[in-house]
PDB file of all heavy atoms in Angstrom:
ATOM      1  N   LEU A   1       0.844   6.439   8.278  1.00  0.00           N
ATOM      2  CA  LEU A   1      -0.488   6.005   7.757  1.00  0.00           C
ATOM      3  C   LEU A   1      -0.460   4.588   7.035  1.00  0.00           C
ATOM      4  O   LEU A   1      -1.352   3.782   7.291  1.00  0.00           O
ATOM      5  CB  LEU A   1      -1.083   7.049   6.924  1.00  0.00           C
ATOM      6  CG  LEU A   1      -1.385   8.371   7.512  1.00  0.00           C
ATOM      7  CD1 LEU A   1      -1.796   9.442   6.536  1.00  0.00           C
ATOM      8  CD2 LEU A   1      -2.789   8.187   8.402  1.00  0.00           C
ATOM      9  N   LEU A   2       0.398   4.524   6.083  1.00  0.00           N
ATOM     10  CA  LEU A   2       0.473   3.204   5.258  1.00  0.00           C
ATOM     11  C   LEU A   2       0.823   1.999   6.102  1.00  0.00           C
ATOM     12  O   LEU A   2       0.454   0.930   5.723  1.00  0.00           O
ATOM     13  CB  LEU A   2       1.514   3.470   4.248  1.00  0.00           C
ATOM     14  CG  LEU A   2       1.198   4.392   3.075  1.00  0.00           C
ATOM     15  CD1 LEU A   2       2.305   4.649   2.157  1.00  0.00           C
ATOM     16  CD2 LEU A   2      -0.018   3.697   2.265  1.00  0.00           C
ATOM     17  N   THR A   3       1.607   2.020   7.187  1.00  0.00           N
ATOM     18  CA  THR A   3       2.000   1.007   8.085  1.00  0.00           C
ATOM     19  C   THR A   3       1.213   0.852   9.270  1.00  0.00           C
ATOM     20  O   THR A   3       1.507   0.121  10.205  1.00  0.00           O
ATOM     21  CB  THR A   3       3.450   0.962   8.411  1.00  0.00           C
ATOM     22  OG1 THR A   3       3.694   2.189   9.175  1.00  0.00           O
ATOM     23  CG2 THR A   3       4.272   1.141   7.091  1.00  0.00           C
ATOM     24  N   ARG A   4       0.156   1.753   9.551  1.00  0.00           N
ATOM     25  CA  ARG A   4      -0.666   1.649  10.610  1.00  0.00           C
ATOM     26  C   ARG A   4       0.156   1.855  11.941  1.00  0.00           C
ATOM     27  O   ARG A   4       0.122   1.086  12.901  1.00  0.00           O
ATOM     28  CB  ARG A   4      -1.485   0.337  10.726  1.00  0.00           C
ATOM     29  CG  ARG A   4      -2.431   0.128   9.577  1.00  0.00           C
ATOM     30  CD  ARG A   4      -3.111  -1.218   9.718  1.00  0.00           C
ATOM     31  NE  ARG A   4      -3.896  -1.465   8.278  1.00  0.00           N
ATOM     32  CZ  ARG A   4      -4.341  -2.541   8.143  1.00  0.00           C
ATOM     33  NH1 ARG A   4      -4.336  -3.566   8.908  1.00  0.00           N
ATOM     34  NH2 ARG A   4      -5.097  -2.706   6.963  1.00  0.00           N
ATOM     35  N   ALA A   5       1.038   2.932  11.912  1.00  0.00           N
ATOM     36  CA  ALA A   5       1.816   3.304  12.978  1.00  0.00           C
ATOM     37  C   ALA A   5       2.800   2.223  13.327  1.00  0.00           C
ATOM     38  O   ALA A   5       3.176   2.060  14.524  1.00  0.00           O
ATOM     39  CB  ALA A   5       0.992   3.764  14.148  1.00  0.00           C
ATOM     40  N   GLY A   6       3.412   1.496  12.258  1.00  0.00           N
ATOM     41  CA  GLY A   6       4.308   0.629  12.372  1.00  0.00           C
ATOM     42  C   GLY A   6       3.828  -0.879  12.708  1.00  0.00           C
ATOM     43  O   GLY A   6       4.487  -1.784  13.018  1.00  0.00           O
ATOM     44  N   ALA A   7       2.464  -0.866  12.657  1.00  0.00           N
ATOM     45  CA  ALA A   7       1.789  -2.326  12.833  1.00  0.00           C
ATOM     46  C   ALA A   7       2.088  -3.313  11.717  1.00  0.00           C
ATOM     47  O   ALA A   7       1.774  -4.506  11.776  1.00  0.00           O
ATOM     48  CB  ALA A   7       0.350  -2.227  13.116  1.00  0.00           C
ATOM     49  N   GLN A   8       2.463  -2.687  10.535  1.00  0.00           N
ATOM     50  CA  GLN A   8       2.758  -3.722   9.417  1.00  0.00           C
ATOM     51  C   GLN A   8       3.969  -3.028   8.687  1.00  0.00           C
ATOM     52  O   GLN A   8       4.274  -1.749   8.918  1.00  0.00           O
ATOM     53  CB  GLN A   8       1.627  -3.820   8.461  1.00  0.00           C
ATOM     54  CG  GLN A   8       1.078  -2.652   7.953  1.00  0.00           C
ATOM     55  CD  GLN A   8      -0.228  -2.815   7.011  1.00  0.00           C
ATOM     56  OE1 GLN A   8      -1.070  -3.685   7.239  1.00  0.00           O
ATOM     57  NE2 GLN A   8      -0.367  -2.156   5.945  1.00  0.00           N
ATOM     58  N   LEU A   9       4.666  -3.717   7.777  1.00  0.00           N
ATOM     59  CA  LEU A   9       5.871  -3.235   7.114  1.00  0.00           C
ATOM     60  C   LEU A   9       5.348  -2.312   5.982  1.00  0.00           C
ATOM     61  O   LEU A   9       4.325  -2.415   5.335  1.00  0.00           O
ATOM     62  CB  LEU A   9       6.492  -4.409   6.431  1.00  0.00           C
ATOM     63  CG  LEU A   9       7.226  -5.393   7.535  1.00  0.00           C
ATOM     64  CD1 LEU A   9       7.942  -6.469   6.699  1.00  0.00           C
ATOM     65  CD2 LEU A   9       8.236  -4.640   8.460  1.00  0.00           C
ATOM     66  N   PRO A  10       6.314  -1.525   5.574  1.00  0.00           N
ATOM     67  CA  PRO A  10       6.162  -0.572   4.372  1.00  0.00           C
ATOM     68  C   PRO A  10       5.871  -1.458   3.202  1.00  0.00           C
ATOM     69  O   PRO A  10       6.673  -2.373   2.845  1.00  0.00           O
ATOM     70  CB  PRO A  10       7.345   0.171   4.203  1.00  0.00           C
ATOM     71  CG  PRO A  10       8.009   0.197   5.673  1.00  0.00           C
ATOM     72  CD  PRO A  10       7.674  -1.145   6.124  1.00  0.00           C
ATOM     73  N   PRO A  11       4.898  -1.209   2.308  1.00  0.00           N
ATOM     74  CA  PRO A  11       4.595  -1.952   1.117  1.00  0.00           C
ATOM     75  C   PRO A  11       5.626  -1.635  -0.024  1.00  0.00           C
ATOM     76  O   PRO A  11       6.039  -0.499   0.002  1.00  0.00           O
ATOM     77  CB  PRO A  11       3.173  -1.694   0.779  1.00  0.00           C
ATOM     78  CG  PRO A  11       2.945  -0.192   1.172  1.00  0.00           C
ATOM     79  CD  PRO A  11       3.825  -0.160   2.484  1.00  0.00           C
ATOM     80  N   ASP A  12       5.773  -2.408  -0.909  1.00  0.00           N
ATOM     81  CA  ASP A  12       6.576  -2.111  -2.124  1.00  0.00           C
ATOM     82  C   ASP A  12       5.914  -0.885  -2.852  1.00  0.00           C
ATOM     83  O   ASP A  12       6.598   0.019  -3.359  1.00  0.00           O
ATOM     84  CB  ASP A  12       6.634  -3.247  -3.055  1.00  0.00           C
ATOM     85  CG  ASP A  12       7.640  -4.323  -2.670  1.00  0.00           C
ATOM     86  OD1 ASP A  12       8.557  -4.117  -1.740  1.00  0.00           O
ATOM     87  OD2 ASP A  12       7.479  -5.547  -2.961  1.00  0.00           O
ATOM     88  N   TRP A  13       4.628  -1.008  -3.032  1.00  0.00           N
ATOM     89  CA  TRP A  13       3.849   0.055  -3.734  1.00  0.00           C
ATOM     90  C   TRP A  13       2.667   0.486  -2.934  1.00  0.00           C
ATOM     91  O   TRP A  13       2.031  -0.243  -2.044  1.00  0.00           O
ATOM     92  CB  TRP A  13       3.229  -0.662  -5.080  1.00  0.00           C
ATOM     93  CG  TRP A  13       4.365  -0.925  -6.050  1.00  0.00           C
ATOM     94  CD1 TRP A  13       5.085  -1.932  -6.112  1.00  0.00           C
ATOM     95  CD2 TRP A  13       4.743  -0.007  -7.078  1.00  0.00           C
ATOM     96  NE1 TRP A  13       5.993  -1.844  -7.275  1.00  0.00           N
ATOM     97  CE2 TRP A  13       5.714  -0.613  -7.781  1.00  0.00           C
ATOM     98  CE3 TRP A  13       4.365   1.351  -7.592  1.00  0.00           C
ATOM     99  CZ2 TRP A  13       6.436  -0.120  -8.909  1.00  0.00           C
ATOM    100  CZ3 TRP A  13       4.950   1.772  -8.578  1.00  0.00           C
ATOM    101  CH2 TRP A  13       5.987   1.129  -9.343  1.00  0.00           C
ATOM    102  N   ALA A  14       2.206   1.689  -3.119  1.00  0.00           N
ATOM    103  CA  ALA A  14       1.094   2.227  -2.417  1.00  0.00           C
ATOM    104  C   ALA A  14       0.423   3.519  -3.245  1.00  0.00           C
ATOM    105  O   ALA A  14       1.098   3.890  -4.261  1.00  0.00           O
ATOM    106  CB  ALA A  14       1.409   2.803  -1.063  1.00  0.00           C
ATOM    107  N   THR A  15      -0.681   3.955  -2.884  1.00  0.00           N
ATOM    108  CA  THR A  15      -1.292   5.065  -3.496  1.00  0.00           C
ATOM    109  C   THR A  15      -1.742   6.134  -2.376  1.00  0.00           C
ATOM    110  O   THR A  15      -2.095   5.648  -1.342  1.00  0.00           O
ATOM    111  CB  THR A  15      -2.608   4.644  -4.321  1.00  0.00           C
ATOM    112  OG1 THR A  15      -3.414   4.023  -3.389  1.00  0.00           O
ATOM    113  CG2 THR A  15      -2.208   3.896  -5.464  1.00  0.00           C
ATOM    114  N   LEU A  16      -1.573   7.417  -2.845  1.00  0.00           N
ATOM    115  CA  LEU A  16      -1.862   8.468  -1.934  1.00  0.00           C
ATOM    116  C   LEU A  16      -2.795   9.385  -2.656  1.00  0.00           C
ATOM    117  O   LEU A  16      -2.513   9.611  -3.792  1.00  0.00           O
ATOM    118  CB  LEU A  16      -0.674   9.091  -1.457  1.00  0.00           C
ATOM    119  CG  LEU A  16       0.290   8.348  -0.470  1.00  0.00           C
ATOM    120  CD1 LEU A  16       1.621   9.189  -0.323  1.00  0.00           C
ATOM    121  CD2 LEU A  16      -0.374   8.070   0.818  1.00  0.00           C
ATOM    122  N   GLY A  17      -3.773   9.955  -2.151  1.00  0.00           N
ATOM    123  CA  GLY A  17      -4.586  11.093  -2.709  1.00  0.00           C
ATOM    124  C   GLY A  17      -5.539  10.512  -3.561  1.00  0.00           C
ATOM    125  O   GLY A  17      -6.038   9.369  -3.657  1.00  0.00           O
ATOM    126  N   GLY A  18      -6.090  11.521  -4.402  1.00  0.00           N
ATOM    127  CA  GLY A  18      -7.119  11.136  -5.423  1.00  0.00           C
ATOM    128  C   GLY A  18      -8.559  10.845  -4.888  1.00  0.00           C
ATOM    129  O   GLY A  18      -9.414  10.118  -5.410  1.00  0.00           O
ATOM    130  N   GLY A  19      -8.695  11.404  -3.666  1.00  0.00           N
ATOM    131  CA  GLY A  19      -9.909  11.146  -2.917  1.00  0.00           C
ATOM    132  C   GLY A  19     -10.091   9.767  -2.318  1.00  0.00           C
ATOM    133  O   GLY A  19     -11.155   9.434  -1.846  1.00  0.00           O
ATOM    134  N   ARG A  20      -9.043   9.109  -2.160  1.00  0.00           N
ATOM    135  CA  ARG A  20      -9.107   7.733  -1.452  1.00  0.00           C
ATOM    136  C   ARG A  20      -7.978   7.736  -0.286  1.00  0.00           C
ATOM    137  O   ARG A  20      -7.052   8.509  -0.156  1.00  0.00           O
ATOM    138  CB  ARG A  20      -8.500   6.642  -2.440  1.00  0.00           C
ATOM    139  CG  ARG A  20      -9.365   6.707  -3.704  1.00  0.00           C
ATOM    140  CD  ARG A  20      -8.841   5.676  -4.643  1.00  0.00           C
ATOM    141  NE  ARG A  20      -9.268   5.662  -6.069  1.00  0.00           N
ATOM    142  CZ  ARG A  20      -8.902   4.883  -7.085  1.00  0.00           C
ATOM    143  NH1 ARG A  20      -7.891   3.984  -6.871  1.00  0.00           N
ATOM    144  NH2 ARG A  20      -9.347   5.092  -8.231  1.00  0.00           N
ATOM    145  N   PRO A  21      -8.414   6.911   0.668  1.00  0.00           N
ATOM    146  CA  PRO A  21      -7.444   6.845   1.924  1.00  0.00           C
ATOM    147  C   PRO A  21      -6.016   6.251   1.319  1.00  0.00           C
ATOM    148  O   PRO A  21      -6.123   5.435   0.384  1.00  0.00           O
ATOM    149  CB  PRO A  21      -8.117   5.793   2.752  1.00  0.00           C
ATOM    150  CG  PRO A  21      -9.528   5.740   2.335  1.00  0.00           C
ATOM    151  CD  PRO A  21      -9.510   6.079   0.898  1.00  0.00           C
ATOM    152  N   PRO A  22      -5.039   6.527   2.050  1.00  0.00           N
ATOM    153  CA  PRO A  22      -3.706   5.919   1.679  1.00  0.00           C
ATOM    154  C   PRO A  22      -3.786   4.357   1.739  1.00  0.00           C
ATOM    155  O   PRO A  22      -4.304   3.961   2.633  1.00  0.00           O
ATOM    156  CB  PRO A  22      -2.792   6.412   2.776  1.00  0.00           C
ATOM    157  CG  PRO A  22      -3.366   7.691   3.147  1.00  0.00           C
ATOM    158  CD  PRO A  22      -4.851   7.495   3.077  1.00  0.00           C
ATOM    159  N   ALA A  23      -3.262   3.691   0.787  1.00  0.00           N
ATOM    160  CA  ALA A  23      -3.466   2.319   0.775  1.00  0.00           C
ATOM    161  C   ALA A  23      -2.268   1.446   0.088  1.00  0.00           C
ATOM    162  O   ALA A  23      -1.767   1.966  -0.842  1.00  0.00           O
ATOM    163  CB  ALA A  23      -4.748   1.862   0.014  1.00  0.00           C
ATOM    164  N   ALA A  24      -1.847   0.305   0.780  1.00  0.00           N
ATOM    165  CA  ALA A  24      -0.886  -0.553   0.061  1.00  0.00           C
ATOM    166  C   ALA A  24      -1.477  -1.108  -1.143  1.00  0.00           C
ATOM    167  O   ALA A  24      -2.620  -1.408  -1.175  1.00  0.00           O
ATOM    168  CB  ALA A  24      -0.464  -1.624   1.157  1.00  0.00           C
ATOM    169  N   GLU A  25      -0.608  -1.320  -2.156  1.00  0.00           N
ATOM    170  CA  GLU A  25      -1.056  -1.773  -3.436  1.00  0.00           C
ATOM    171  C   GLU A  25      -0.123  -3.033  -3.769  1.00  0.00           C
ATOM    172  O   GLU A  25       1.006  -3.019  -3.413  1.00  0.00           O
ATOM    173  CB  GLU A  25      -1.087  -0.886  -4.483  1.00  0.00           C
ATOM    174  CG  GLU A  25      -1.963   0.323  -4.170  1.00  0.00           C
ATOM    175  CD  GLU A  25      -3.414   0.066  -4.459  1.00  0.00           C
ATOM    176  OE1 GLU A  25      -3.744  -0.889  -5.267  1.00  0.00           O
ATOM    177  OE2 GLU A  25      -4.246   0.713  -4.023  1.00  0.00           O
ATOM    178  N   ALA A  26      -0.655  -3.914  -4.673  1.00  0.00           N
ATOM    179  CA  ALA A  26       0.147  -4.889  -5.195  1.00  0.00           C
ATOM    180  C   ALA A  26       1.059  -4.215  -6.369  1.00  0.00           C
ATOM    181  O   ALA A  26       0.782  -3.244  -6.858  1.00  0.00           O
ATOM    182  CB  ALA A  26      -0.588  -6.010  -5.817  1.00  0.00           C
ATOM    183  N   ALA A  27       2.333  -4.838  -6.509  1.00  0.00           N
ATOM    184  CA  ALA A  27       3.173  -4.364  -7.663  1.00  0.00           C
ATOM    185  C   ALA A  27       2.287  -4.453  -8.939  1.00  0.00           C
ATOM    186  O   ALA A  27       1.544  -5.309  -9.181  1.00  0.00           O
ATOM    187  CB  ALA A  27       4.360  -5.181  -7.690  1.00  0.00           C
ATOM    188  N   PRO A  28       2.522  -3.385  -9.852  1.00  0.00           N
ATOM    189  CA  PRO A  28       1.832  -3.371 -11.063  1.00  0.00           C
ATOM    190  C   PRO A  28       1.946  -4.649 -11.879  1.00  0.00           C
ATOM    191  O   PRO A  28       2.953  -5.171 -12.122  1.00  0.00           O
ATOM    192  CB  PRO A  28       2.512  -2.270 -11.752  1.00  0.00           C
ATOM    193  CG  PRO A  28       2.935  -1.362 -10.827  1.00  0.00           C
ATOM    194  CD  PRO A  28       3.376  -2.223  -9.690  1.00  0.00           C
ATOM    195  N   GLN A  29       0.757  -5.140 -12.314  1.00  0.00           N
ATOM    196  CA  GLN A  29       0.727  -6.341 -13.111  1.00  0.00           C
ATOM    197  C   GLN A  29       1.208  -7.706 -12.497  1.00  0.00           C
ATOM    198  O   GLN A  29       1.583  -8.578 -13.191  1.00  0.00           O
ATOM    199  CB  GLN A  29       1.376  -6.067 -14.439  1.00  0.00           C
ATOM    200  CG  GLN A  29       0.957  -4.965 -15.267  1.00  0.00           C
ATOM    201  CD  GLN A  29       1.639  -4.641 -16.526  1.00  0.00           C
ATOM    202  OE1 GLN A  29       2.800  -5.130 -16.740  1.00  0.00           O
ATOM    203  NE2 GLN A  29       1.145  -4.004 -17.360  1.00  0.00           N
ATOM    204  N   SER A  30       1.345  -7.667 -11.052  1.00  0.00           N
ATOM    205  CA  SER A  30       1.831  -8.732 -10.451  1.00  0.00           C
ATOM    206  C   SER A  30       0.837  -9.857 -10.131  1.00  0.00           C
ATOM    207  O   SER A  30       1.061 -11.009 -10.125  1.00  0.00           O
ATOM    208  CB  SER A  30       2.534  -8.360  -9.075  1.00  0.00           C
ATOM    209  OG  SER A  30       1.624  -7.973  -8.154  1.00  0.00           O
ATOM    210  N   GLY A  31      -0.454  -9.384  -9.866  1.00  0.00           N
ATOM    211  CA  GLY A  31      -1.383 -10.294  -9.371  1.00  0.00           C
ATOM    212  C   GLY A  31      -1.239 -10.837  -7.993  1.00  0.00           C
ATOM    213  O   GLY A  31      -2.019 -11.557  -7.536  1.00  0.00           O
ATOM    214  N   SER A  32      -0.264 -10.482  -7.310  1.00  0.00           N
ATOM    215  CA  SER A  32       0.105 -10.724  -6.053  1.00  0.00           C
ATOM    216  C   SER A  32      -0.505  -9.757  -4.914  1.00  0.00           C
ATOM    217  O   SER A  32      -0.648  -8.673  -5.205  1.00  0.00           O
ATOM    218  CB  SER A  32       1.527 -11.042  -5.772  1.00  0.00           C
ATOM    219  OG  SER A  32       2.092 -11.916  -6.736  1.00  0.00           O
ATOM    220  N   PRO A  33      -0.747 -10.237  -3.668  1.00  0.00           N
ATOM    221  CA  PRO A  33      -1.037  -9.338  -2.582  1.00  0.00           C
ATOM    222  C   PRO A  33       0.059  -8.321  -2.345  1.00  0.00           C
ATOM    223  O   PRO A  33       1.127  -8.644  -2.608  1.00  0.00           O
ATOM    224  CB  PRO A  33      -1.428 -10.238  -1.560  1.00  0.00           C
ATOM    225  CG  PRO A  33      -0.728 -11.479  -1.740  1.00  0.00           C
ATOM    226  CD  PRO A  33      -0.592 -11.598  -3.256  1.00  0.00           C
ATOM    227  N   PRO A  34      -0.298  -7.195  -1.705  1.00  0.00           N
ATOM    228  CA  PRO A  34       0.807  -6.241  -1.331  1.00  0.00           C
ATOM    229  C   PRO A  34       1.749  -6.970  -0.438  1.00  0.00           C
ATOM    230  O   PRO A  34       1.372  -7.646   0.483  1.00  0.00           O
ATOM    231  CB  PRO A  34      -0.039  -5.119  -0.635  1.00  0.00           C
ATOM    232  CG  PRO A  34      -1.337  -5.104  -1.071  1.00  0.00           C
ATOM    233  CD  PRO A  34      -1.683  -6.672  -1.440  1.00  0.00           C
ATOM    234  N   ALA A  35       3.038  -6.585  -0.510  1.00  0.00           N
ATOM    235  CA  ALA A  35       4.091  -7.266   0.109  1.00  0.00           C
ATOM    236  C   ALA A  35       5.191  -6.124   0.315  1.00  0.00           C
ATOM    237  O   ALA A  35       5.214  -5.054  -0.180  1.00  0.00           O
ATOM    238  CB  ALA A  35       4.579  -8.464  -0.533  1.00  0.00           C
TER     239      ALA A  35
END
């Protein structure tokens, strides 16, 4: 789910659950896009 069936790389950070779709996240306090 997080990589769209392999269409993108696994992110360093992500979130699951909490009523939201699984999503790649930026590293905490980095201010950079997910990588």
